[in-house]
Structure formats: C-alpha cells, structure tokens
Amino acid sequence: MAKSVQDLPKEIQQYIDVREWDMRTLEGNKRFLELKGKCLPTIALEGDLMYESLIPGQEELAAEITRRWELKN
C-alpha cells in the first residue's frame, strides 16, 4: 500500500504529506485504533479511512487526492 502512494505522480505528491505507521509498534497500533481501522492495509486521507484491505489503482487514488485538495483550496 505504501508503494502505491509512493508511486503517485509528482504533481499529486505535492498535495500530500505521507505518514506511515508500523503496526508492530505501540504508536502504530494507537494511530490505527484512533482511526477506527478494522483491517490492513489501510489508507486514510485527512483522517478518513478511505481504503481498507484493498489497494486502489493509481488513477482512483490520484483522483481522490486531487478532489480533496480542490475542495480545500
């Protein structure tokens, strides 16, 4: 899942701040519970769980990031 985000085009990456939590750590588990995650892998955008247990296509992920950025700006 992290690879999917890392492989996004540069023009999309400028809109995001990527944070990855390791579920083998207390911090990672705490964050997962805060987000109310149920399964892995998971992608959250702006604190909203968007993709759980599936890896979205590049086009779908880029479109959602762009949509959210345009709504904020």
C-alpha atoms as a PDB file:
ATOM      1  CA  MET A   1       0.000   0.000   0.000  1.00  0.00           C
ATOM      2  CA  ALA A   2       2.813   2.410   0.834  1.00  0.00           C
ATOM      3  CA  LYS A   3       4.369   1.664  -2.552  1.00  0.00           C
ATOM      4  CA  SER A   4       1.117   2.649  -4.250  1.00  0.00           C
ATOM      5  CA  VAL A   5       1.262   6.063  -2.584  1.00  0.00           C
ATOM      6  CA  GLN A   6       5.000   6.496  -3.217  1.00  0.00           C
ATOM      7  CA  ASP A   7       4.484   5.786  -6.930  1.00  0.00           C
ATOM      8  CA  LEU A   8       1.961   8.577  -7.423  1.00  0.00           C
ATOM      9  CA  PRO A   9       2.995  11.232  -9.967  1.00  0.00           C
ATOM     10  CA  LYS A  10       4.987  14.187  -8.594  1.00  0.00           C
ATOM     11  CA  GLU A  11       2.136  16.614  -9.349  1.00  0.00           C
ATOM     12  CA  ILE A  12      -0.114  14.600  -6.997  1.00  0.00           C
ATOM     13  CA  GLN A  13       2.557  14.083  -4.342  1.00  0.00           C
ATOM     14  CA  GLN A  14       2.864  17.854  -3.907  1.00  0.00           C
ATOM     15  CA  TYR A  15      -0.641  17.817  -2.394  1.00  0.00           C
ATOM     16  CA  ILE A  16       0.044  15.188   0.260  1.00  0.00           C
ATOM     17  CA  ASP A  17       2.063  14.573   3.386  1.00  0.00           C
ATOM     18  CA  VAL A  18       2.651  10.836   3.694  1.00  0.00           C
ATOM     19  CA  ARG A  19       2.878   9.248   7.118  1.00  0.00           C
ATOM     20  CA  GLU A  20       3.353   5.549   7.549  1.00  0.00           C
ATOM     21  CA  TRP A  21       2.836   3.762  10.866  1.00  0.00           C
ATOM     22  CA  ASP A  22       4.322   0.401  11.692  1.00  0.00           C
ATOM     23  CA  MET A  23       1.713  -1.844  13.278  1.00  0.00           C
ATOM     24  CA  ARG A  24       4.462  -3.611  15.220  1.00  0.00           C
ATOM     25  CA  THR A  25       4.873  -0.504  17.376  1.00  0.00           C
ATOM     26  CA  LEU A  26       2.712   0.982  20.112  1.00  0.00           C
ATOM     27  CA  GLU A  27       2.480   4.255  18.173  1.00  0.00           C
ATOM     28  CA  GLY A  28       1.280   2.437  15.039  1.00  0.00           C
ATOM     29  CA  ASN A  29      -1.334   0.465  16.937  1.00  0.00           C
ATOM     30  CA  LYS A  30      -2.532   3.587  18.735  1.00  0.00           C
ATOM     31  CA  ARG A  31      -2.958   5.502  15.473  1.00  0.00           C
ATOM     32  CA  PHE A  32      -4.800   2.580  13.858  1.00  0.00           C
ATOM     33  CA  LEU A  33      -7.238   2.482  16.788  1.00  0.00           C
ATOM     34  CA  GLU A  34      -7.695   6.275  16.668  1.00  0.00           C
ATOM     35  CA  LEU A  35      -8.704   5.970  13.016  1.00  0.00           C
ATOM     36  CA  LYS A  36     -11.003   3.057  13.929  1.00  0.00           C
ATOM     37  CA  GLY A  37      -9.315   0.806  11.419  1.00  0.00           C
ATOM     38  CA  LYS A  38     -10.534  -2.742  11.106  1.00  0.00           C
ATOM     39  CA  CYS A  39      -8.089  -4.395   8.723  1.00  0.00           C
ATOM     40  CA  LEU A  40      -4.798  -3.891   6.944  1.00  0.00           C
ATOM     41  CA  PRO A  41      -3.673  -2.433   4.646  1.00  0.00           C
ATOM     42  CA  THR A  42      -5.445   0.885   5.131  1.00  0.00           C
ATOM     43  CA  ILE A  43      -5.122   4.343   3.591  1.00  0.00           C
ATOM     44  CA  ALA A  44      -6.590   7.329   5.405  1.00  0.00           C
ATOM     45  CA  LEU A  45      -6.955  10.732   3.797  1.00  0.00           C
ATOM     46  CA  GLU A  46      -7.308  13.666   6.174  1.00  0.00           C
ATOM     47  CA  GLY A  47      -8.188  11.276   8.989  1.00  0.00           C
ATOM     48  CA  ASP A  48     -10.903   9.498   6.980  1.00  0.00           C
ATOM     49  CA  LEU A  49     -10.395   5.801   6.291  1.00  0.00           C
ATOM     50  CA  MET A  50     -10.685   5.530   2.536  1.00  0.00           C
ATOM     51  CA  TYR A  51      -9.227   2.212   1.512  1.00  0.00           C
ATOM     52  CA  GLU A  52      -9.203  -0.779   3.830  1.00  0.00           C
ATOM     53  CA  SER A  53      -7.858  -4.155   2.805  1.00  0.00           C
ATOM     54  CA  LEU A  54      -7.630  -3.159  -0.843  1.00  0.00           C
ATOM     55  CA  ILE A  55      -5.059  -1.295  -2.851  1.00  0.00           C
ATOM     56  CA  PRO A  56      -6.643   1.360  -5.072  1.00  0.00           C
ATOM     57  CA  GLY A  57      -5.477   1.937  -8.609  1.00  0.00           C
ATOM     58  CA  GLN A  58      -3.207   4.908  -9.225  1.00  0.00           C
ATOM     59  CA  GLU A  59      -5.912   6.761 -11.137  1.00  0.00           C
ATOM     60  CA  GLU A  60      -8.511   6.274  -8.392  1.00  0.00           C
ATOM     61  CA  LEU A  61      -6.147   7.331  -5.614  1.00  0.00           C
ATOM     62  CA  ALA A  62      -4.857  10.348  -7.553  1.00  0.00           C
ATOM     63  CA  ALA A  63      -8.410  11.442  -8.385  1.00  0.00           C
ATOM     64  CA  GLU A  64      -9.488  11.270  -4.720  1.00  0.00           C
ATOM     65  CA  ILE A  65      -6.439  13.237  -3.551  1.00  0.00           C
ATOM     66  CA  THR A  66      -6.995  15.860  -6.240  1.00  0.00           C
ATOM     67  CA  ARG A  67     -10.718  16.108  -5.417  1.00  0.00           C
ATOM     68  CA  ARG A  68      -9.994  16.665  -1.728  1.00  0.00           C
ATOM     69  CA  TRP A  69      -7.259  19.228  -2.475  1.00  0.00           C
ATOM     70  CA  GLU A  70      -9.569  21.176  -4.804  1.00  0.00           C
ATOM     71  CA  LEU A  71     -12.338  21.222  -2.166  1.00  0.00           C
ATOM     72  CA  LYS A  72      -9.940  22.699   0.386  1.00  0.00           C
ATOM     73  CA  ASN A  73      -8.487  25.294  -1.954  1.00  0.00           C
END
